[in-house]
Amino acid sequence: MAKAYWIARVDVHNDEGYKAYTAANPAIFKKFGGRFIVRAGKFSAIEGTSRSRNVVIEFPDYEAAMACYNSPEYQANIKVRQPHSQADLVIIEGYDGPQP
């Protein structure tokens, strides 16, 4: 079964206000089997547009990734994040087929 990923790109305009959002996330993600793969590391925007922060979170499968996003805990935490940042989020199923 293919894993799934949240791919988020975020611009934070109030670091202090954003801290409560990031502090609550690990417990929420853990509940659904999520783990950070990328968490705001060094990057180069080679093509297209970018935001200042990039995050990739791996989940056991697409259903778990969607359940996490739709959970009451995360929906409440979105309201904490929104006044302090602008974000793009994609939830995508990983590829589990043949490789070159």
PDB file of N, CA and C in Angstrom:
ATOM      1  N   MET A   1       0.836  -1.176   0.000  1.00  0.00           N
ATOM      2  CA  MET A   1       0.000   0.000   0.000  1.00  0.00           C
ATOM      3  C   MET A   1       0.885   1.246   0.000  1.00  0.00           C
ATOM      4  N   ALA A   2       0.545   2.202  -0.837  1.00  0.00           N
ATOM      5  CA  ALA A   2       1.343   3.419  -0.959  1.00  0.00           C
ATOM      6  C   ALA A   2       1.146   4.329   0.242  1.00  0.00           C
ATOM      7  N   LYS A   3       2.225   4.937   0.667  1.00  0.00           N
ATOM      8  CA  LYS A   3       2.146   5.949   1.714  1.00  0.00           C
ATOM      9  C   LYS A   3       1.517   7.205   1.109  1.00  0.00           C
ATOM     10  N   ALA A   4       1.249   8.187   1.936  1.00  0.00           N
ATOM     11  CA  ALA A   4       0.707   9.459   1.469  1.00  0.00           C
ATOM     12  C   ALA A   4       1.443  10.587   2.168  1.00  0.00           C
ATOM     13  N   TYR A   5       1.354  11.764   1.591  1.00  0.00           N
ATOM     14  CA  TYR A   5       2.138  12.897   2.070  1.00  0.00           C
ATOM     15  C   TYR A   5       1.322  14.172   2.091  1.00  0.00           C
ATOM     16  N   TRP A   6       1.566  14.966   3.104  1.00  0.00           N
ATOM     17  CA  TRP A   6       1.148  16.356   3.086  1.00  0.00           C
ATOM     18  C   TRP A   6       2.349  17.126   2.583  1.00  0.00           C
ATOM     19  N   ILE A   7       2.144  17.954   1.589  1.00  0.00           N
ATOM     20  CA  ILE A   7       3.189  18.849   1.103  1.00  0.00           C
ATOM     21  C   ILE A   7       2.677  20.263   1.351  1.00  0.00           C
ATOM     22  N   ALA A   8       3.330  20.959   2.256  1.00  0.00           N
ATOM     23  CA  ALA A   8       2.892  22.298   2.635  1.00  0.00           C
ATOM     24  C   ALA A   8       3.978  23.312   2.318  1.00  0.00           C
ATOM     25  N   ARG A   9       3.535  24.461   1.835  1.00  0.00           N
ATOM     26  CA  ARG A   9       4.414  25.614   1.617  1.00  0.00           C
ATOM     27  C   ARG A   9       3.781  26.758   2.380  1.00  0.00           C
ATOM     28  N   VAL A  10       4.568  27.414   3.220  1.00  0.00           N
ATOM     29  CA  VAL A  10       4.006  28.375   4.170  1.00  0.00           C
ATOM     30  C   VAL A  10       4.854  29.644   4.226  1.00  0.00           C
ATOM     31  N   ASP A  11       4.175  30.777   4.282  1.00  0.00           N
ATOM     32  CA  ASP A  11       4.798  32.051   4.637  1.00  0.00           C
ATOM     33  C   ASP A  11       4.243  32.451   5.995  1.00  0.00           C
ATOM     34  N   VAL A  12       5.113  32.560   6.976  1.00  0.00           N
ATOM     35  CA  VAL A  12       4.712  32.964   8.323  1.00  0.00           C
ATOM     36  C   VAL A  12       4.977  34.458   8.462  1.00  0.00           C
ATOM     37  N   HIS A  13       3.958  35.222   8.839  1.00  0.00           N
ATOM     38  CA  HIS A  13       4.157  36.659   9.029  1.00  0.00           C
ATOM     39  C   HIS A  13       4.076  37.078  10.493  1.00  0.00           C
ATOM     40  N   ASN A  14       3.853  36.111  11.398  1.00  0.00           N
ATOM     41  CA  ASN A  14       3.895  36.381  12.833  1.00  0.00           C
ATOM     42  C   ASN A  14       4.457  35.132  13.524  1.00  0.00           C
ATOM     43  N   ASP A  15       5.766  35.100  13.682  1.00  0.00           N
ATOM     44  CA  ASP A  15       6.438  33.930  14.273  1.00  0.00           C
ATOM     45  C   ASP A  15       5.905  33.594  15.661  1.00  0.00           C
ATOM     46  N   GLU A  16       5.686  34.597  16.468  1.00  0.00           N
ATOM     47  CA  GLU A  16       5.230  34.360  17.844  1.00  0.00           C
ATOM     48  C   GLU A  16       3.839  33.720  17.852  1.00  0.00           C
ATOM     49  N   GLY A  17       2.940  34.219  17.040  1.00  0.00           N
ATOM     50  CA  GLY A  17       1.598  33.666  16.967  1.00  0.00           C
ATOM     51  C   GLY A  17       1.552  32.272  16.370  1.00  0.00           C
ATOM     52  N   TYR A  18       2.492  31.971  15.492  1.00  0.00           N
ATOM     53  CA  TYR A  18       2.554  30.684  14.796  1.00  0.00           C
ATOM     54  C   TYR A  18       3.043  29.553  15.709  1.00  0.00           C
ATOM     55  N   LYS A  19       3.745  29.904  16.782  1.00  0.00           N
ATOM     56  CA  LYS A  19       4.334  28.895  17.668  1.00  0.00           C
ATOM     57  C   LYS A  19       3.301  27.947  18.265  1.00  0.00           C
ATOM     58  N   ALA A  20       2.137  28.429  18.622  1.00  0.00           N
ATOM     59  CA  ALA A  20       1.097  27.568  19.213  1.00  0.00           C
ATOM     60  C   ALA A  20       0.637  26.516  18.213  1.00  0.00           C
ATOM     61  N   TYR A  21       0.559  26.887  16.946  1.00  0.00           N
ATOM     62  CA  TYR A  21       0.186  25.939  15.884  1.00  0.00           C
ATOM     63  C   TYR A  21       1.228  24.827  15.773  1.00  0.00           C
ATOM     64  N   THR A  22       2.481  25.187  15.676  1.00  0.00           N
ATOM     65  CA  THR A  22       3.528  24.171  15.526  1.00  0.00           C
ATOM     66  C   THR A  22       3.667  23.308  16.778  1.00  0.00           C
ATOM     67  N   ALA A  23       3.394  23.876  17.943  1.00  0.00           N
ATOM     68  CA  ALA A  23       3.491  23.099  19.182  1.00  0.00           C
ATOM     69  C   ALA A  23       2.416  22.025  19.267  1.00  0.00           C
ATOM     70  N   ALA A  24       1.240  22.287  18.720  1.00  0.00           N
ATOM     71  CA  ALA A  24       0.136  21.325  18.782  1.00  0.00           C
ATOM     72  C   ALA A  24       0.233  20.226  17.724  1.00  0.00           C
ATOM     73  N   ASN A  25       0.915  20.488  16.639  1.00  0.00           N
ATOM     74  CA  ASN A  25       0.925  19.545  15.517  1.00  0.00           C
ATOM     75  C   ASN A  25       1.519  18.167  15.796  1.00  0.00           C
ATOM     76  N   PRO A  26       2.646  18.022  16.471  1.00  0.00           N
ATOM     77  CA  PRO A  26       3.223  16.683  16.631  1.00  0.00           C
ATOM     78  C   PRO A  26       2.265  15.660  17.235  1.00  0.00           C
ATOM     79  N   ALA A  27       1.505  16.018  18.244  1.00  0.00           N
ATOM     80  CA  ALA A  27       0.559  15.072  18.857  1.00  0.00           C
ATOM     81  C   ALA A  27      -0.552  14.704  17.877  1.00  0.00           C
ATOM     82  N   ILE A  28      -1.003  15.691  17.100  1.00  0.00           N
ATOM     83  CA  ILE A  28      -2.050  15.416  16.108  1.00  0.00           C
ATOM     84  C   ILE A  28      -1.520  14.463  15.046  1.00  0.00           C
ATOM     85  N   PHE A  29      -0.358  14.764  14.501  1.00  0.00           N
ATOM     86  CA  PHE A  29       0.206  13.924  13.442  1.00  0.00           C
ATOM     87  C   PHE A  29       0.492  12.512  13.939  1.00  0.00           C
ATOM     88  N   LYS A  30       1.027  12.401  15.157  1.00  0.00           N
ATOM     89  CA  LYS A  30       1.349  11.087  15.719  1.00  0.00           C
ATOM     90  C   LYS A  30       0.106  10.211  15.819  1.00  0.00           C
ATOM     91  N   LYS A  31      -1.013  10.796  16.193  1.00  0.00           N
ATOM     92  CA  LYS A  31      -2.271  10.058  16.322  1.00  0.00           C
ATOM     93  C   LYS A  31      -2.655   9.358  15.013  1.00  0.00           C
ATOM     94  N   PHE A  32      -2.260   9.937  13.865  1.00  0.00           N
ATOM     95  CA  PHE A  32      -2.614   9.388  12.560  1.00  0.00           C
ATOM     96  C   PHE A  32      -1.417   8.743  11.855  1.00  0.00           C
ATOM     97  N   GLY A  33      -0.348   8.510  12.587  1.00  0.00           N
ATOM     98  CA  GLY A  33       0.832   7.856  12.026  1.00  0.00           C
ATOM     99  C   GLY A  33       1.703   8.762  11.180  1.00  0.00           C
ATOM    100  N   GLY A  34       1.546  10.073  11.325  1.00  0.00           N
ATOM    101  CA  GLY A  34       2.337  11.018  10.537  1.00  0.00           C
ATOM    102  C   GLY A  34       3.711  11.247  11.127  1.00  0.00           C
ATOM    103  N   ARG A  35       4.661  11.514  10.228  1.00  0.00           N
ATOM    104  CA  ARG A  35       6.017  11.860  10.674  1.00  0.00           C
ATOM    105  C   ARG A  35       6.624  12.847   9.697  1.00  0.00           C
ATOM    106  N   PHE A  36       7.410  13.771  10.235  1.00  0.00           N
ATOM    107  CA  PHE A  36       8.049  14.785   9.398  1.00  0.00           C
ATOM    108  C   PHE A  36       9.139  14.155   8.543  1.00  0.00           C
ATOM    109  N   ILE A  37       9.109  14.471   7.269  1.00  0.00           N
ATOM    110  CA  ILE A  37      10.175  14.098   6.329  1.00  0.00           C
ATOM    111  C   ILE A  37      11.012  15.345   6.044  1.00  0.00           C
ATOM    112  N   VAL A  38      10.341  16.461   5.851  1.00  0.00           N
ATOM    113  CA  VAL A  38      10.977  17.763   5.629  1.00  0.00           C
ATOM    114  C   VAL A  38      10.312  18.743   6.583  1.00  0.00           C
ATOM    115  N   ARG A  39      11.122  19.542   7.256  1.00  0.00           N
ATOM    116  CA  ARG A  39      10.556  20.534   8.169  1.00  0.00           C
ATOM    117  C   ARG A  39      11.387  21.803   8.126  1.00  0.00           C
ATOM    118  N   ALA A  40      11.108  22.606   7.106  1.00  0.00           N
ATOM    119  CA  ALA A  40      11.680  23.951   6.985  1.00  0.00           C
ATOM    120  C   ALA A  40      13.194  23.972   6.849  1.00  0.00           C
ATOM    121  N   GLY A  41      13.770  23.025   6.155  1.00  0.00           N
ATOM    122  CA  GLY A  41      15.213  23.022   5.939  1.00  0.00           C
ATOM    123  C   GLY A  41      15.649  23.983   4.852  1.00  0.00           C
ATOM    124  N   LYS A  42      16.936  24.014   4.621  1.00  0.00           N
ATOM    125  CA  LYS A  42      17.514  24.851   3.578  1.00  0.00           C
ATOM    126  C   LYS A  42      16.966  24.398   2.226  1.00  0.00           C
ATOM    127  N   PHE A  43      16.623  25.349   1.346  1.00  0.00           N
ATOM    128  CA  PHE A  43      16.106  24.982   0.028  1.00  0.00           C
ATOM    129  C   PHE A  43      16.492  26.024  -1.004  1.00  0.00           C
ATOM    130  N   SER A  44      16.395  25.633  -2.271  1.00  0.00           N
ATOM    131  CA  SER A  44      16.575  26.527  -3.410  1.00  0.00           C
ATOM    132  C   SER A  44      15.337  26.420  -4.274  1.00  0.00           C
ATOM    133  N   ALA A  45      14.720  27.541  -4.562  1.00  0.00           N
ATOM    134  CA  ALA A  45      13.555  27.562  -5.448  1.00  0.00           C
ATOM    135  C   ALA A  45      14.087  27.658  -6.875  1.00  0.00           C
ATOM    136  N   ILE A  46      14.204  26.537  -7.544  1.00  0.00           N
ATOM    137  CA  ILE A  46      14.819  26.466  -8.865  1.00  0.00           C
ATOM    138  C   ILE A  46      13.864  26.923  -9.964  1.00  0.00           C
ATOM    139  N   GLU A  47      12.578  26.579  -9.860  1.00  0.00           N
ATOM    140  CA  GLU A  47      11.584  26.981 -10.854  1.00  0.00           C
ATOM    141  C   GLU A  47      10.297  27.384 -10.153  1.00  0.00           C
ATOM    142  N   GLY A  48       9.554  28.280 -10.754  1.00  0.00           N
ATOM    143  CA  GLY A  48       8.253  28.668 -10.222  1.00  0.00           C
ATOM    144  C   GLY A  48       8.356  29.535  -8.989  1.00  0.00           C
ATOM    145  N   THR A  49       7.248  29.597  -8.268  1.00  0.00           N
ATOM    146  CA  THR A  49       7.197  30.421  -7.063  1.00  0.00           C
ATOM    147  C   THR A  49       7.418  29.555  -5.834  1.00  0.00           C
ATOM    148  N   SER A  50       7.770  30.194  -4.750  1.00  0.00           N
ATOM    149  CA  SER A  50       7.985  29.451  -3.514  1.00  0.00           C
ATOM    150  C   SER A  50       7.458  30.264  -2.339  1.00  0.00           C
ATOM    151  N   ARG A  51       7.418  29.621  -1.218  1.00  0.00           N
ATOM    152  CA  ARG A  51       7.133  30.281   0.055  1.00  0.00           C
ATOM    153  C   ARG A  51       8.366  30.077   0.934  1.00  0.00           C
ATOM    154  N   SER A  52       8.396  30.732   2.068  1.00  0.00           N
ATOM    155  CA  SER A  52       9.611  30.723   2.887  1.00  0.00           C
ATOM    156  C   SER A  52       9.815  29.442   3.696  1.00  0.00           C
ATOM    157  N   ARG A  53       8.766  28.636   3.860  1.00  0.00           N
ATOM    158  CA  ARG A  53       8.860  27.428   4.685  1.00  0.00           C
ATOM    159  C   ARG A  53       8.216  26.277   3.921  1.00  0.00           C
ATOM    160  N   ASN A  54       8.874  25.122   3.907  1.00  0.00           N
ATOM    161  CA  ASN A  54       8.376  23.931   3.225  1.00  0.00           C
ATOM    162  C   ASN A  54       8.358  22.766   4.197  1.00  0.00           C
ATOM    163  N   VAL A  55       7.265  21.986   4.156  1.00  0.00           N
ATOM    164  CA  VAL A  55       7.107  20.862   5.071  1.00  0.00           C
ATOM    165  C   VAL A  55       6.530  19.682   4.302  1.00  0.00           C
ATOM    166  N   VAL A  56       7.081  18.492   4.536  1.00  0.00           N
ATOM    167  CA  VAL A  56       6.522  17.251   3.995  1.00  0.00           C
ATOM    168  C   VAL A  56       6.309  16.309   5.174  1.00  0.00           C
ATOM    169  N   ILE A  57       5.084  15.812   5.292  1.00  0.00           N
ATOM    170  CA  ILE A  57       4.732  14.887   6.374  1.00  0.00           C
ATOM    171  C   ILE A  57       4.255  13.594   5.741  1.00  0.00           C
ATOM    172  N   GLU A  58       4.840  12.484   6.151  1.00  0.00           N
ATOM    173  CA  GLU A  58       4.495  11.166   5.617  1.00  0.00           C
ATOM    174  C   GLU A  58       3.458  10.498   6.508  1.00  0.00           C
ATOM    175  N   PHE A  59       2.459   9.873   5.881  1.00  0.00           N
ATOM    176  CA  PHE A  59       1.430   9.105   6.582  1.00  0.00           C
ATOM    177  C   PHE A  59       1.420   7.679   6.043  1.00  0.00           C
ATOM    178  N   PRO A  60       0.892   6.735   6.817  1.00  0.00           N
ATOM    179  CA  PRO A  60       0.885   5.338   6.371  1.00  0.00           C
ATOM    180  C   PRO A  60       0.136   5.117   5.061  1.00  0.00           C
ATOM    181  N   ASP A  61      -0.906   5.924   4.812  1.00  0.00           N
ATOM    182  CA  ASP A  61      -1.683   5.794   3.574  1.00  0.00           C
ATOM    183  C   ASP A  61      -2.521   7.061   3.389  1.00  0.00           C
ATOM    184  N   TYR A  62      -3.176   7.145   2.239  1.00  0.00           N
ATOM    185  CA  TYR A  62      -3.963   8.320   1.885  1.00  0.00           C
ATOM    186  C   TYR A  62      -5.106   8.548   2.875  1.00  0.00           C
ATOM    187  N   GLU A  63      -5.748   7.468   3.292  1.00  0.00           N
ATOM    188  CA  GLU A  63      -6.868   7.580   4.220  1.00  0.00           C
ATOM    189  C   GLU A  63      -6.444   8.206   5.544  1.00  0.00           C
ATOM    190  N   ALA A  64      -5.286   7.807   6.053  1.00  0.00           N
ATOM    191  CA  ALA A  64      -4.776   8.378   7.301  1.00  0.00           C
ATOM    192  C   ALA A  64      -4.436   9.862   7.124  1.00  0.00           C
ATOM    193  N   ALA A  65      -3.846  10.207   5.990  1.00  0.00           N
ATOM    194  CA  ALA A  65      -3.510  11.612   5.722  1.00  0.00           C
ATOM    195  C   ALA A  65      -4.761  12.476   5.681  1.00  0.00           C
ATOM    196  N   MET A  66      -5.801  11.982   5.023  1.00  0.00           N
ATOM    197  CA  MET A  66      -7.057  12.725   4.941  1.00  0.00           C
ATOM    198  C   MET A  66      -7.746  12.777   6.300  1.00  0.00           C
ATOM    199  N   ALA A  67      -7.721  11.665   7.033  1.00  0.00           N
ATOM    200  CA  ALA A  67      -8.345  11.634   8.357  1.00  0.00           C
ATOM    201  C   ALA A  67      -7.680  12.634   9.296  1.00  0.00           C
ATOM    202  N   CYS A  68      -6.377  12.758   9.214  1.00  0.00           N
ATOM    203  CA  CYS A  68      -5.660  13.719  10.042  1.00  0.00           C
ATOM    204  C   CYS A  68      -6.116  15.135   9.711  1.00  0.00           C
ATOM    205  N   TYR A  69      -6.134  15.455   8.431  1.00  0.00           N
ATOM    206  CA  TYR A  69      -6.543  16.804   8.024  1.00  0.00           C
ATOM    207  C   TYR A  69      -7.973  17.105   8.477  1.00  0.00           C
ATOM    208  N   ASN A  70      -8.863  16.158   8.331  1.00  0.00           N
ATOM    209  CA  ASN A  70     -10.277  16.356   8.656  1.00  0.00           C
ATOM    210  C   ASN A  70     -10.610  16.176  10.136  1.00  0.00           C
ATOM    211  N   SER A  71      -9.629  15.785  10.947  1.00  0.00           N
ATOM    212  CA  SER A  71      -9.880  15.542  12.367  1.00  0.00           C
ATOM    213  C   SER A  71     -10.271  16.839  13.077  1.00  0.00           C
ATOM    214  N   PRO A  72     -11.087  16.733  14.115  1.00  0.00           N
ATOM    215  CA  PRO A  72     -11.439  17.930  14.884  1.00  0.00           C
ATOM    216  C   PRO A  72     -10.216  18.645  15.447  1.00  0.00           C
ATOM    217  N   GLU A  73      -9.197  17.869  15.844  1.00  0.00           N
ATOM    218  CA  GLU A  73      -7.987  18.473  16.408  1.00  0.00           C
ATOM    219  C   GLU A  73      -7.273  19.356  15.386  1.00  0.00           C
ATOM    220  N   TYR A  74      -7.094  18.830  14.169  1.00  0.00           N
ATOM    221  CA  TYR A  74      -6.372  19.623  13.170  1.00  0.00           C
ATOM    222  C   TYR A  74      -7.231  20.777  12.664  1.00  0.00           C
ATOM    223  N   GLN A  75      -8.518  20.547  12.494  1.00  0.00           N
ATOM    224  CA  GLN A  75      -9.396  21.634  12.055  1.00  0.00           C
ATOM    225  C   GLN A  75      -9.359  22.796  13.052  1.00  0.00           C
ATOM    226  N   ALA A  76      -9.316  22.495  14.338  1.00  0.00           N
ATOM    227  CA  ALA A  76      -9.186  23.552  15.348  1.00  0.00           C
ATOM    228  C   ALA A  76      -7.828  24.235  15.240  1.00  0.00           C
ATOM    229  N   ASN A  77      -6.780  23.459  14.954  1.00  0.00           N
ATOM    230  CA  ASN A  77      -5.437  24.030  14.869  1.00  0.00           C
ATOM    231  C   ASN A  77      -5.260  24.899  13.624  1.00  0.00           C
ATOM    232  N   ILE A  78      -5.994  24.618  12.567  1.00  0.00           N
ATOM    233  CA  ILE A  78      -5.951  25.490  11.380  1.00  0.00           C
ATOM    234  C   ILE A  78      -6.346  26.911  11.784  1.00  0.00           C
ATOM    235  N   LYS A  79      -7.340  27.029  12.627  1.00  0.00           N
ATOM    236  CA  LYS A  79      -7.797  28.355  13.069  1.00  0.00           C
ATOM    237  C   LYS A  79      -6.715  29.086  13.869  1.00  0.00           C
ATOM    238  N   VAL A  80      -5.842  28.348  14.517  1.00  0.00           N
ATOM    239  CA  VAL A  80      -4.711  28.945  15.228  1.00  0.00           C
ATOM    240  C   VAL A  80      -3.690  29.463  14.219  1.00  0.00           C
ATOM    241  N   ARG A  81      -3.466  28.700  13.153  1.00  0.00           N
ATOM    242  CA  ARG A  81      -2.455  29.055  12.147  1.00  0.00           C
ATOM    243  C   ARG A  81      -2.864  30.232  11.275  1.00  0.00           C
ATOM    244  N   GLN A  82      -4.090  30.252  10.823  1.00  0.00           N
ATOM    245  CA  GLN A  82      -4.500  31.171   9.760  1.00  0.00           C
ATOM    246  C   GLN A  82      -4.219  32.652  10.014  1.00  0.00           C
ATOM    247  N   PRO A  83      -4.407  33.179  11.219  1.00  0.00           N
ATOM    248  CA  PRO A  83      -4.121  34.609  11.392  1.00  0.00           C
ATOM    249  C   PRO A  83      -2.632  34.961  11.273  1.00  0.00           C
ATOM    250  N   HIS A  84      -1.767  33.949  11.311  1.00  0.00           N
ATOM    251  CA  HIS A  84      -0.329  34.202  11.389  1.00  0.00           C
ATOM    252  C   HIS A  84       0.456  33.757  10.158  1.00  0.00           C
ATOM    253  N   SER A  85      -0.240  33.201   9.165  1.00  0.00           N
ATOM    254  CA  SER A  85       0.488  32.674   8.011  1.00  0.00           C
ATOM    255  C   SER A  85      -0.425  32.528   6.806  1.00  0.00           C
ATOM    256  N   GLN A  86       0.211  32.313   5.673  1.00  0.00           N
ATOM    257  CA  GLN A  86      -0.468  31.967   4.422  1.00  0.00           C
ATOM    258  C   GLN A  86       0.123  30.637   3.981  1.00  0.00           C
ATOM    259  N   ALA A  87      -0.741  29.658   3.667  1.00  0.00           N
ATOM    260  CA  ALA A  87      -0.233  28.317   3.359  1.00  0.00           C
ATOM    261  C   ALA A  87      -0.901  27.718   2.134  1.00  0.00           C
ATOM    262  N   ASP A  88      -0.157  26.867   1.452  1.00  0.00           N
ATOM    263  CA  ASP A  88      -0.659  25.986   0.394  1.00  0.00           C
ATOM    264  C   ASP A  88      -0.419  24.570   0.908  1.00  0.00           C
ATOM    265  N   LEU A  89      -1.415  23.701   0.778  1.00  0.00           N
ATOM    266  CA  LEU A  89      -1.275  22.325   1.250  1.00  0.00           C
ATOM    267  C   LEU A  89      -1.856  21.369   0.226  1.00  0.00           C
ATOM    268  N   VAL A  90      -1.073  20.360  -0.109  1.00  0.00           N
ATOM    269  CA  VAL A  90      -1.514  19.283  -1.000  1.00  0.00           C
ATOM    270  C   VAL A  90      -1.397  17.984  -0.227  1.00  0.00           C
ATOM    271  N   ILE A  91      -2.417  17.141  -0.321  1.00  0.00           N
ATOM    272  CA  ILE A  91      -2.338  15.784   0.227  1.00  0.00           C
ATOM    273  C   ILE A  91      -2.298  14.854  -0.969  1.00  0.00           C
ATOM    274  N   ILE A  92      -1.248  14.049  -1.043  1.00  0.00           N
ATOM    275  CA  ILE A  92      -1.012  13.247  -2.242  1.00  0.00           C
ATOM    276  C   ILE A  92      -0.603  11.824  -1.879  1.00  0.00           C
ATOM    277  N   GLU A  93      -1.105  10.899  -2.638  1.00  0.00           N
ATOM    278  CA  GLU A  93      -0.725   9.499  -2.456  1.00  0.00           C
ATOM    279  C   GLU A  93       0.639   9.269  -3.079  1.00  0.00           C
ATOM    280  N   GLY A  94       1.481   8.533  -2.391  1.00  0.00           N
ATOM    281  CA  GLY A  94       2.803   8.207  -2.904  1.00  0.00           C
ATOM    282  C   GLY A  94       2.725   7.190  -4.032  1.00  0.00           C
ATOM    283  N   TYR A  95       3.826   7.009  -4.709  1.00  0.00           N
ATOM    284  CA  TYR A  95       3.934   6.043  -5.802  1.00  0.00           C
ATOM    285  C   TYR A  95       4.534   4.761  -5.277  1.00  0.00           C
ATOM    286  N   ASP A  96       3.877   3.651  -5.549  1.00  0.00           N
ATOM    287  CA  ASP A  96       4.323   2.356  -5.030  1.00  0.00           C
ATOM    288  C   ASP A  96       4.511   1.355  -6.167  1.00  0.00           C
ATOM    289  N   GLY A  97       4.844   1.856  -7.358  1.00  0.00           N
ATOM    290  CA  GLY A  97       4.988   0.993  -8.528  1.00  0.00           C
ATOM    291  C   GLY A  97       6.439   0.747  -8.893  1.00  0.00           C
ATOM    292  N   PRO A  98       6.644   0.204 -10.073  1.00  0.00           N
ATOM    293  CA  PRO A  98       8.007  -0.101 -10.527  1.00  0.00           C
ATOM    294  C   PRO A  98       8.865   1.145 -10.643  1.00  0.00           C
ATOM    295  N   GLN A  99      10.130   0.966 -10.390  1.00  0.00           N
ATOM    296  CA  GLN A  99      11.097   2.059 -10.502  1.00  0.00           C
ATOM    297  C   GLN A  99      12.045   1.773 -11.661  1.00  0.00           C
ATOM    298  N   PRO A 100      12.616   2.847 -12.193  1.00  0.00           N
ATOM    299  CA  PRO A 100      13.560   2.646 -13.319  1.00  0.00           C
ATOM    300  C   PRO A 100      14.804   1.887 -12.896  1.00  0.00           C
TER     301      PRO A 100
END
